[in-house]
Amino acid sequence: MSDKNKNDSSISDLIIQLDENEQSLQNLRFQKSMQQLEDLSQIKKVKKKIARIKTIIHENALKNKMKSDG
């Protein structure tokens, strides 16, 4: 999903995506500890996705606060 589509997504959709990515990261870390994970770069990619989603959620919260403040 492109960044523009993520910006247009609702907060609830973003929270669902965040939860799914956090679960995926936990599974990847578990696979790594069991030495079953072949592509270690997957962990880095999922962490970046999580950071992007959290950033978008925070930006939306700030925009909403600015609107309500006037």
Foldseek 3Di string as FASTA:
>chain_A
DDLVVLLPDDLVVLVVVLVVLVVVLVVQVVCVVVVNDDDPCVNVVSVVVNVSSVVSSVVVVVVVVVVVVD
